[in-house]
Structure formats: structure tokens, C-alpha cells
């Protein structure tokens, strides 16, 4: 009987650990409470980034000037980082003879045989811009949809096919990414060349305010989940996007953040999360910023467009984004695993209580 009780206790402990592990993984993709944000500082206490994303030890950030930092310690709302050196970035230049922007490690540009497809959606459907929308959150119809629509229209003008899904994934909680995963999986059935989850941040306006070619716009930050099998290819995609942004629209990039979690980027090697300004910025400036961001995609993906001015055709020969890599199975698998864990815990607890009753 002692051995049986010991086995039951072990089963209960393991079950609880599995449940806590599941909750922690989801929380890693959560955000700070309203009005709170994380500040990343370097060894000299210089502020290098502010973000509403929950920051974890091991997260990394490639700043606007391509300096790479790693989070070594998190104390309340401050993350202390160490400098890892300058990130080696792709080199892109405009070839006046070919009238194209070309990556230096690429061969002669190859015009795509089709117009690439971009898929767009919003995990956080409520995100809004206070100066323009009057509040930071509008249930199911946030100002972020206007920014998504601006990106949609700009991409179409550049020669892309665009599939823009406006599903509502509210509430804005730790399960939002689980709900938006179904949307992302559905979009990937269209075999897009890239899929973009459009967000805005929640930090002071100064973090994203900028001027590009004399116009006030918001910066755009790229976010890569570092806990997914596509992390390496997602990061290379982000680096190419940033490299082109830096050449075509200097000052637009707010760097690349590599956060704990996967942000559903395990579904495709060309999945990207973008932060377009913050809730404290003007929505009109966010729309201008995201349209400038759109100009980087033709070079990175290789679109031929008579409407695109000086965008050129990249010889990046990588094919369309992969179909969902067991995306539906992962969602179902996670749910089944959690249910089985809870059932096992209940059965073990019932058995233990029943044995105690018998023993008495």
C-alpha cells in the first residue's frame, strides 16, 4: 500500500508540472498589464528598448544599428542585457543598370513567374491608437485593422496578391495566440509566400516616433519567436526585411526582437510578427510607417510590379512559404495532452482518496 501511495504522489506531481509547463509556455507570449512595459538596458544602464512584451532571460534584440543584445537578468520591469557584438546583416544595394535592389550574395535577379501572395491577420483584434481612436482597446474592432488595411492596399499596389483575414480573436489574453493559430493555419492553405501578424506596441510614443524622408511616421519592429523549429529561417527573413528597410527607408526600423515563445511562427519559415507604433502614437503615422515597411517586401520576395518604384526584383529563389507544419495537429495535440494530463490527475486523486477511505 505504501508503494501504491508513492506512485500516486509521483503521478500527481508530474501531472501538475505538465500543467504548469503548459501555462508558462503560453504566458511567455503574453504582454505586460495595461500601463506597464519592460525596459531593456545595457551594461552601462543605457536604455536600448522598451516593449510591452513579457521579457524572459535568454531573449535577444538586434537594435536599429544592428547591435545584438541578450537578456541576462529580469528584475521587475527592467531587463539587464549584455552586448553580443554587431550582427552580420545581409547587404543590399540598388543596381542602376538592372534597376533593381539586389542582395550582394545573390545572382542576377529572376523575375517571379507569378505575383507572390501575402497573408495578413491580427492576433490582437482590439489594439488601437489613443490619439486617433480615443482609447487603447476597442473590442473586436481596434484601430489596428486600419493599419492592416493600409498594408493590404499598399501591397496590392506593389503587385502582390493579398489574403487579409479580419477574424476577431478577442479577448486580448494569454490564449489569443491559440485562437489566432486557427486563422493562421487556414491562411496557410492558400500557400502564401509570407504571413504577417500585424500588431502595435504599448510603450511611450518616443519609442516609435521617427521621421523618414522628412515625413513623420512610426517605426516598425520585427518580432521572432525563439522557441520554434523555424526560428533560424524566420530570423533570416527578418534580417532581410530589416536590411532592405534600412536602405529604402532609413530610420523606419525599430530592430528585431527575439522573444520566448513561438508566436505561431512554427507554421511557416516566412511568418513574421510586426509591431507598428504604440498605442500612444498617431494611427495616421502608423499607417504611413506600415506602407513604408511594405516597400521592403518586393525586394525580399521577388515581386515584379510596374507600379513599384525602385523596388527591383530580388533573386531570392526560396519558394513559397511551406504549408502548415502540422499546425492543426499541434493545436489539437496540445489540447489533447492537457486534457489527458488533467484526467490522469483526477483519476490518480480519486484512486488515492478511495484507498484512504478503504484503509480507514
Foldseek 3Di string as FASTA:
>chain_A
DVVLVVVLVVLLVVLVVVVVVVVVQLLLAAFAPAPAWAFEAEPVRHTQAIFRHDFDFQKWWQFLQQWIWGFHDDDPRYTYIYTPGGDDFFAWDQDPVQLAIETPVADPFDADPAAFEEEEEALAQFAEACVAPVDGGDQLHYLLVVLVVLLVVLLVLQRHHYHYDSDGQDDRGSCSLLSCLVVVQVVCVVLGQAYEHEAATADDQVLFWDDWPRHTAGAKEKEAEPPAPLRVLCVNLVSLLSNLCCVQTNPRHRTYIHTHHGSSCNFWNRYIYMHQTHSHDDSVRSSVSSSSSSLSVCQSPFHDHPSRRSSRGYNPPDDTIDRGPCSVVVSVVVVVVSVVSVVSSVVSVVVVVVVVVVVD
